[in-house]
Amino acid sequence: MMFYFPEFKAFCQAENISHTLHNLYTLRGAQVRNGLKWSSYIDKSIQKFGDQVEVSFGSHHWPVWGNDNIIKFWENQRDMYRFIHDQTLRLANQGYTPTEIAEILTLPDELNKQFYNRGYYGSVSHDVKAQYQLYFGWFDGNPSNLNPLPPSEAGAKYVEFMGGAENVLKQAKKSYDKGEYRWVAEVLKHLVFADSKNQEAKNLLADSYEQLGYMSESGPWRNFYLTGASELRNGKKNISRGGTTSKDMISGMSSELFFDYLAMRYKGTDYFKDQFNFNILLTDRNEKVGLIVKNGMVTPRIGTFLKNNITATISVSRNDLAILTAGNNSKVNEYIKNGKIKIEGNADAFNQFIQHIDNFDPWFNIVEP
């Protein structure tokens, strides 16, 4: 959210204008952002406040002082995002794939040589792919990429075609000595997925990731490369956690969001034969919720009870329900005994439902099977 303080002639640019190229796609995973809209909001700021502003400040970076400096700063940021957006679409309409566009597209010198337009955070490369994904999705039109083999199966085939693990390593070492780190990473990922116990291959792949990390201008790129190298050398971390969300975050959710969150976590691929109709009274909020469990999915109806074929009616505080579904689902019977949950109907069915709520380990493998 950007806003202007007229008495101070100060504009809060938030994260829309910053001293780096921002992410149109975050490597941690999020919805793609639209570079055209990003650019247009900067331009609206120029039109609305450009003749007044004397200081522009953001959330994470230092301010810019003086109207002339600010306008140049804003205009160059505006032009950068629009250039990435428009030129990606232009080249896509000429038949280039996202990987090809990311390899050939560079910012014009006037934009590229500005300190605040450099890719210390986002990068032209993955922002290009983001804009392609925004409009065209993941498929690049090449039928060989339509239904590829999964990594472990493909890895085994690649290694077989390349003459076996020993030959792959021999050739990869030669490429590494030439500084062809991107190619070494491309080749050895197949060997590691084909044989995750081949520590020599993992070490060389880790060396390649490390070199790519050292060469990366983008901080997130560097972090991903170095984290991958660490996993290959040391394995993934094992940290006991009940889930991927905190108690405070869950308590701050609306009931609609909370039950959508539970529905997403239901193990529908395993328990698609379950059929339950639950009515839940959230006692601390005096709120009614109906849950339809069928065909491997959960449909919540907030603010109303179901009327037919009720499996069970449950009275529980939302706080206790959150605790039960945050990795403590073995305590259902205990909660029934101490009166924290009251169930009319089939208590075993509700217990079964709770047991089928998934919990996530955030420390999963990335560069290994």
Protein backbone atom coordinates (compact mmCIF):
# COMPACT_ATOMS: atom_id res chain seq x y z
CA MET A 1 0.00 0.00 0.00
CA MET A 2 1.47 3.31 -1.12
CA PHE A 3 0.36 6.62 0.39
CA TYR A 4 1.33 10.29 0.49
CA PHE A 5 1.80 12.69 3.43
CA PRO A 6 1.14 16.13 1.89
CA GLU A 7 2.29 18.11 4.94
CA PHE A 8 5.73 16.46 4.71
CA LYS A 9 5.75 16.02 0.91
CA ALA A 10 6.68 12.43 1.74
CA PHE A 11 5.57 9.39 -0.24
CA CYS A 12 5.57 5.84 1.16
CA GLN A 13 6.49 3.65 -1.79
CA ALA A 14 6.05 0.41 0.21
CA GLU A 15 7.71 -2.43 -1.72
CA ASN A 16 6.45 -1.36 -5.13
CA ILE A 17 9.46 0.89 -5.65
CA SER A 18 12.71 -0.24 -4.07
CA HIS A 19 16.48 -0.21 -4.44
CA THR A 20 16.49 -3.53 -6.26
CA LEU A 21 14.60 -5.39 -8.95
CA HIS A 22 11.77 -7.01 -7.01
CA ASN A 23 10.22 -10.45 -7.50
CA LEU A 24 7.42 -10.84 -10.02
CA TYR A 25 7.60 -14.40 -8.79
CA THR A 26 8.98 -15.31 -5.38
CA LEU A 27 11.26 -18.34 -5.41
CA ARG A 28 9.79 -19.44 -2.06
CA GLY A 29 6.50 -19.96 -3.91
CA ALA A 30 3.55 -17.57 -4.34
CA GLN A 31 1.12 -16.36 -6.97
CA VAL A 32 2.74 -14.62 -9.92
CA ARG A 33 2.60 -10.82 -9.93
CA ASN A 34 1.65 -8.78 -12.98
CA GLY A 35 4.50 -6.55 -14.18
CA LEU A 36 2.12 -4.40 -16.23
CA LYS A 37 0.00 -3.56 -13.18
CA TRP A 38 3.15 -3.02 -11.12
CA SER A 39 4.43 -0.52 -13.66
CA SER A 40 1.08 1.20 -14.04
CA TYR A 41 0.73 1.89 -10.31
CA ILE A 42 4.17 3.49 -10.25
CA ASP A 43 3.12 5.66 -13.18
CA LYS A 44 -0.10 6.66 -11.40
CA SER A 45 2.03 7.71 -8.44
CA ILE A 46 4.13 9.87 -10.75
CA GLN A 47 1.03 11.50 -12.21
CA LYS A 48 -0.64 12.07 -8.86
CA PHE A 49 2.26 13.14 -6.64
CA GLY A 50 5.24 13.65 -8.94
CA ASP A 51 5.08 17.44 -8.93
CA GLN A 52 4.97 17.60 -5.11
CA VAL A 53 7.06 14.84 -3.58
CA GLU A 54 10.39 15.67 -1.92
CA VAL A 55 11.11 12.40 -0.09
CA SER A 56 10.27 8.84 -1.12
CA PHE A 57 10.71 6.09 1.46
CA GLY A 58 9.94 2.37 1.62
CA SER A 59 9.65 -0.51 4.04
CA HIS A 60 13.05 -2.10 3.61
CA HIS A 61 15.31 0.44 1.94
CA TRP A 62 16.65 3.91 2.46
CA PRO A 63 14.81 7.07 1.31
CA VAL A 64 15.45 9.13 -1.80
CA TRP A 65 15.51 12.93 -1.35
CA GLY A 66 14.80 15.68 -3.85
CA ASN A 67 12.12 15.83 -6.52
CA ASP A 68 14.40 15.35 -9.54
CA ASN A 69 16.12 12.31 -8.00
CA ILE A 70 12.79 10.79 -6.99
CA ILE A 71 11.16 11.17 -10.39
CA LYS A 72 14.15 9.59 -12.14
CA PHE A 73 14.09 6.76 -9.62
CA TRP A 74 10.36 6.16 -10.04
CA GLU A 75 10.47 6.37 -13.83
CA ASN A 76 13.33 3.90 -14.14
CA GLN A 77 11.57 1.43 -11.85
CA ARG A 78 8.33 1.87 -13.78
CA ASP A 79 10.07 1.29 -17.11
CA MET A 80 11.95 -1.77 -15.83
CA TYR A 81 8.83 -3.72 -14.86
CA ARG A 82 6.97 -2.75 -18.02
CA PHE A 83 9.95 -3.69 -20.18
CA ILE A 84 10.17 -7.17 -18.62
CA HIS A 85 6.42 -7.67 -18.99
CA ASP A 86 6.00 -6.39 -22.54
CA GLN A 87 9.15 -7.87 -24.04
CA THR A 88 8.41 -11.28 -22.54
CA LEU A 89 4.99 -11.26 -24.22
CA ARG A 90 6.45 -10.00 -27.50
CA LEU A 91 9.04 -12.76 -27.64
CA ALA A 92 6.53 -15.37 -26.51
CA ASN A 93 4.34 -14.38 -29.45
CA GLN A 94 7.33 -15.01 -31.70
CA GLY A 95 7.46 -18.57 -30.39
CA TYR A 96 10.22 -18.32 -27.80
CA THR A 97 9.85 -20.45 -24.68
CA PRO A 98 10.27 -19.05 -21.15
CA THR A 99 13.72 -20.56 -20.79
CA GLU A 100 14.82 -19.06 -24.10
CA ILE A 101 13.40 -15.62 -23.28
CA ALA A 102 15.07 -15.64 -19.87
CA GLU A 103 18.40 -16.38 -21.53
CA ILE A 104 18.24 -13.65 -24.18
CA LEU A 105 16.39 -10.76 -22.52
CA THR A 106 18.45 -8.05 -20.84
CA LEU A 107 17.43 -4.60 -19.67
CA PRO A 108 18.44 -1.58 -21.78
CA ASP A 109 21.65 0.06 -20.53
CA GLU A 110 19.84 3.10 -19.13
CA LEU A 111 17.88 0.79 -16.86
CA ASN A 112 20.44 -1.94 -16.32
CA LYS A 113 23.19 0.36 -15.04
CA GLN A 114 21.07 1.91 -12.32
CA PHE A 115 22.05 0.51 -8.92
CA TYR A 116 18.42 0.26 -7.81
CA ASN A 117 17.44 -1.79 -10.89
CA ARG A 118 20.00 -4.54 -10.35
CA GLY A 119 18.85 -8.06 -9.56
CA TYR A 120 19.99 -8.28 -5.96
CA TYR A 121 16.63 -9.79 -5.00
CA GLY A 122 14.54 -10.61 -8.04
CA SER A 123 16.20 -11.30 -11.36
CA VAL A 124 15.34 -10.59 -14.98
CA SER A 125 15.64 -14.34 -15.57
CA HIS A 126 12.98 -15.60 -13.20
CA ASP A 127 10.79 -12.50 -13.55
CA VAL A 128 10.63 -13.23 -17.29
CA LYS A 129 9.50 -16.78 -16.55
CA ALA A 130 6.92 -15.38 -14.14
CA GLN A 131 5.34 -13.20 -16.82
CA TYR A 132 5.28 -16.12 -19.24
CA GLN A 133 3.60 -18.27 -16.58
CA LEU A 134 1.09 -15.52 -15.82
CA TYR A 135 -0.28 -15.58 -19.36
CA PHE A 136 0.62 -18.98 -20.79
CA GLY A 137 1.02 -21.32 -17.82
CA TRP A 138 3.73 -23.93 -17.31
CA PHE A 139 3.56 -25.61 -20.74
CA ASP A 140 5.94 -24.22 -23.38
CA GLY A 141 4.24 -25.91 -26.33
CA ASN A 142 6.89 -28.57 -26.85
CA PRO A 143 5.10 -31.95 -26.67
CA SER A 144 8.14 -33.64 -25.12
CA ASN A 145 7.53 -31.42 -22.08
CA LEU A 146 3.83 -32.26 -21.89
CA ASN A 147 4.15 -35.45 -19.85
CA PRO A 148 7.82 -35.97 -18.91
CA LEU A 149 9.06 -38.81 -16.75
CA PRO A 150 9.36 -38.08 -13.00
CA PRO A 151 12.89 -37.15 -11.85
CA SER A 152 14.03 -40.51 -10.46
CA GLU A 153 12.83 -42.49 -13.48
CA ALA A 154 14.18 -39.92 -15.94
CA GLY A 155 17.46 -39.80 -14.03
CA ALA A 156 17.98 -43.53 -14.36
CA LYS A 157 17.34 -43.36 -18.12
CA TYR A 158 19.69 -40.40 -18.59
CA VAL A 159 22.47 -42.16 -16.72
CA GLU A 160 21.94 -45.32 -18.78
CA PHE A 161 22.03 -43.35 -22.06
CA MET A 162 25.16 -41.48 -20.97
CA GLY A 163 27.10 -44.66 -20.39
CA GLY A 164 26.59 -45.24 -16.68
CA ALA A 165 27.37 -43.42 -13.46
CA GLU A 166 31.15 -43.71 -13.77
CA ASN A 167 31.19 -42.10 -17.21
CA VAL A 168 28.76 -39.37 -16.16
CA LEU A 169 31.02 -38.44 -13.25
CA LYS A 170 34.12 -38.50 -15.45
CA GLN A 171 32.57 -36.15 -18.00
CA ALA A 172 31.05 -33.93 -15.31
CA LYS A 173 34.47 -33.44 -13.69
CA LYS A 174 35.87 -32.26 -17.02
CA SER A 175 33.00 -29.79 -17.39
CA TYR A 176 33.47 -28.60 -13.82
CA ASP A 177 37.17 -27.93 -14.48
CA LYS A 178 36.11 -25.80 -17.47
CA GLY A 179 33.82 -23.75 -15.22
CA GLU A 180 30.65 -25.08 -16.86
CA TYR A 181 28.79 -25.18 -13.56
CA ARG A 182 25.29 -24.82 -14.97
CA TRP A 183 25.87 -27.80 -17.23
CA VAL A 184 27.37 -29.88 -14.41
CA ALA A 185 24.26 -29.14 -12.33
CA GLU A 186 22.00 -30.11 -15.22
CA VAL A 187 23.81 -33.44 -15.76
CA LEU A 188 24.44 -34.49 -12.18
CA LYS A 189 20.89 -33.85 -10.99
CA HIS A 190 19.94 -36.89 -13.08
CA LEU A 191 22.63 -39.05 -11.51
CA VAL A 192 21.64 -37.99 -7.99
CA PHE A 193 17.99 -38.77 -8.62
CA ALA A 194 18.97 -42.09 -10.20
CA ASP A 195 21.21 -43.00 -7.26
CA SER A 196 20.83 -40.83 -4.18
CA LYS A 197 23.51 -42.84 -2.35
CA ASN A 198 26.25 -41.85 -4.80
CA GLN A 199 28.07 -39.44 -2.51
CA GLU A 200 30.78 -38.65 -5.05
CA ALA A 201 28.12 -37.38 -7.46
CA LYS A 202 26.39 -35.46 -4.67
CA ASN A 203 29.65 -33.81 -3.62
CA LEU A 204 30.45 -32.68 -7.16
CA LEU A 205 26.91 -31.40 -7.64
CA ALA A 206 27.25 -29.56 -4.32
CA ASP A 207 30.51 -28.01 -5.53
CA SER A 208 28.72 -26.82 -8.67
CA TYR A 209 25.84 -25.33 -6.67
CA GLU A 210 28.35 -23.60 -4.44
CA GLN A 211 30.11 -22.00 -7.40
CA LEU A 212 26.78 -20.94 -8.91
CA GLY A 213 25.86 -19.44 -5.53
CA TYR A 214 29.07 -17.44 -5.39
CA MET A 215 28.37 -16.12 -8.90
CA SER A 216 24.75 -15.12 -8.21
CA GLU A 217 23.87 -11.47 -8.00
CA SER A 218 20.47 -12.32 -6.53
CA GLY A 219 20.49 -13.10 -2.83
CA PRO A 220 17.65 -15.65 -3.06
CA TRP A 221 19.41 -17.44 -5.95
CA ARG A 222 22.55 -17.66 -3.83
CA ASN A 223 20.58 -18.97 -0.86
CA PHE A 224 18.91 -21.69 -2.93
CA TYR A 225 22.19 -22.83 -4.43
CA LEU A 226 23.98 -22.94 -1.07
CA THR A 227 21.05 -24.64 0.65
CA GLY A 228 21.06 -27.28 -2.10
CA ALA A 229 24.77 -27.82 -1.58
CA SER A 230 24.22 -28.23 2.16
CA GLU A 231 21.47 -30.81 1.62
CA LEU A 232 23.69 -32.83 -0.73
CA ARG A 233 26.56 -32.89 1.76
CA ASN A 234 24.72 -33.11 5.06
CA GLY A 235 21.19 -34.28 4.32
CA LYS A 236 18.02 -32.41 5.22
CA LYS A 237 17.45 -31.00 8.67
CA ASN A 238 15.28 -32.89 11.11
CA ILE A 239 13.47 -30.38 13.28
CA SER A 240 10.37 -31.42 15.20
CA ARG A 241 7.46 -29.18 14.35
CA GLY A 242 3.73 -29.69 14.62
CA GLY A 243 2.97 -27.95 11.38
CA THR A 244 3.80 -25.09 9.06
CA THR A 245 1.62 -22.45 10.69
CA SER A 246 1.87 -20.88 14.12
CA LYS A 247 -0.81 -20.80 16.80
CA ASP A 248 -1.06 -17.02 16.42
CA MET A 249 -1.58 -17.29 12.67
CA ILE A 250 -4.33 -19.89 13.05
CA SER A 251 -6.10 -17.88 15.77
CA GLY A 252 -6.06 -14.89 13.44
CA MET A 253 -7.82 -16.75 10.63
CA SER A 254 -11.49 -16.21 9.92
CA SER A 255 -13.56 -19.36 10.36
CA GLU A 256 -13.99 -19.57 6.60
CA LEU A 257 -10.22 -19.53 6.09
CA PHE A 258 -9.62 -21.90 9.01
CA PHE A 259 -11.95 -24.58 7.65
CA ASP A 260 -10.65 -24.13 4.11
CA TYR A 261 -7.22 -24.74 5.62
CA LEU A 262 -8.46 -27.96 7.26
CA ALA A 263 -10.06 -29.03 3.99
CA MET A 264 -6.78 -28.54 2.13
CA ARG A 265 -5.02 -30.74 4.71
CA TYR A 266 -7.51 -33.62 4.44
CA LYS A 267 -5.83 -36.77 3.05
CA GLY A 268 -8.33 -37.10 0.25
CA THR A 269 -6.15 -39.26 -1.98
CA ASP A 270 -6.04 -41.92 0.76
CA TYR A 271 -9.50 -41.63 2.32
CA PHE A 272 -11.76 -40.80 -0.60
CA LYS A 273 -14.30 -43.41 0.56
CA ASP A 274 -15.05 -41.52 3.79
CA GLN A 275 -18.55 -40.05 3.84
CA PHE A 276 -19.52 -37.92 6.84
CA ASN A 277 -21.83 -35.01 7.54
CA PHE A 278 -20.73 -33.08 10.63
CA ASN A 279 -22.31 -30.13 12.36
CA ILE A 280 -19.85 -28.18 14.49
CA LEU A 281 -20.81 -25.54 17.04
CA LEU A 282 -17.83 -23.31 17.86
CA THR A 283 -18.71 -22.58 21.46
CA ASP A 284 -16.34 -19.65 21.98
CA ARG A 285 -17.79 -17.84 18.94
CA ASN A 286 -21.35 -19.19 18.96
CA GLU A 287 -20.80 -20.01 15.31
CA LYS A 288 -22.31 -22.87 13.30
CA VAL A 289 -20.34 -24.83 10.71
CA GLY A 290 -21.47 -27.73 8.53
CA LEU A 291 -18.82 -30.07 7.09
CA ILE A 292 -19.53 -32.39 4.17
CA VAL A 293 -16.82 -35.06 3.81
CA LYS A 294 -17.19 -36.91 0.52
CA ASN A 295 -15.17 -37.97 -2.52
CA GLY A 296 -11.89 -37.20 -0.83
CA MET A 297 -12.73 -33.58 -0.09
CA VAL A 298 -14.23 -31.44 2.65
CA THR A 299 -16.85 -28.79 1.90
CA PRO A 300 -17.36 -26.31 4.79
CA ARG A 301 -20.56 -24.30 5.13
CA ILE A 302 -19.91 -21.45 7.53
CA GLY A 303 -22.83 -20.06 9.52
CA THR A 304 -25.24 -22.94 9.00
CA PHE A 305 -25.89 -26.53 10.05
CA LEU A 306 -26.49 -29.39 7.65
CA LYS A 307 -30.03 -30.80 7.80
CA ASN A 308 -29.86 -34.37 6.51
CA ASN A 309 -27.99 -37.58 7.35
CA ILE A 310 -25.99 -36.04 10.19
CA THR A 311 -23.08 -38.23 11.27
CA ALA A 312 -22.35 -36.27 14.44
CA THR A 313 -22.86 -32.88 16.03
CA ILE A 314 -19.76 -31.54 17.78
CA SER A 315 -19.56 -28.71 20.31
CA VAL A 316 -16.02 -27.41 20.76
CA SER A 317 -14.18 -24.12 21.02
CA ARG A 318 -12.33 -23.12 17.88
CA ASN A 319 -9.15 -22.83 19.90
CA ASP A 320 -9.41 -26.47 21.03
CA LEU A 321 -10.27 -27.60 17.51
CA ALA A 322 -7.19 -25.76 16.24
CA ILE A 323 -5.03 -27.52 18.84
CA LEU A 324 -6.44 -30.92 17.89
CA THR A 325 -5.77 -30.38 14.19
CA ALA A 326 -2.28 -28.96 14.65
CA GLY A 327 -0.53 -32.28 15.20
CA ASN A 328 -2.29 -33.25 18.43
CA ASN A 329 -5.07 -35.32 16.88
CA SER A 330 -4.36 -38.27 19.16
CA LYS A 331 -6.04 -36.33 21.98
CA VAL A 332 -9.62 -36.48 20.69
CA ASN A 333 -10.74 -39.11 23.20
CA GLU A 334 -8.94 -37.25 25.97
CA TYR A 335 -10.80 -34.05 25.04
CA ILE A 336 -14.09 -35.97 25.08
CA LYS A 337 -13.37 -37.34 28.57
CA ASN A 338 -12.49 -33.96 30.07
CA GLY A 339 -15.48 -32.25 28.48
CA LYS A 340 -13.64 -29.98 26.04
CA ILE A 341 -15.56 -31.66 23.22
CA LYS A 342 -19.15 -32.81 23.33
CA ILE A 343 -20.29 -35.13 20.55
CA GLU A 344 -23.84 -36.25 19.78
CA GLY A 345 -23.83 -39.12 17.31
CA ASN A 346 -20.92 -41.12 15.90
CA ALA A 347 -17.89 -39.96 17.90
CA ASP A 348 -15.66 -42.56 16.22
CA ALA A 349 -16.39 -41.03 12.82
CA PHE A 350 -15.30 -37.59 13.99
CA ASN A 351 -12.20 -39.10 15.59
CA GLN A 352 -11.45 -40.83 12.28
CA PHE A 353 -11.88 -37.53 10.41
CA ILE A 354 -9.45 -35.76 12.73
CA GLN A 355 -6.92 -38.57 12.27
CA HIS A 356 -7.05 -38.01 8.52
CA ILE A 357 -5.94 -34.36 8.75
CA ASP A 358 -2.41 -34.10 7.40
CA ASN A 359 0.51 -32.33 9.07
CA PHE A 360 3.46 -31.03 7.10
CA ASP A 361 7.18 -31.31 7.62
CA PRO A 362 8.71 -28.13 6.15
CA TRP A 363 12.12 -29.82 5.91
CA PHE A 364 11.58 -31.93 2.79
CA ASN A 365 14.15 -32.88 0.16
CA ILE A 366 14.65 -30.56 -2.80
CA VAL A 367 17.77 -31.72 -4.65
CA GLU A 368 17.42 -35.41 -3.76
CA PRO A 369 14.56 -37.90 -4.23
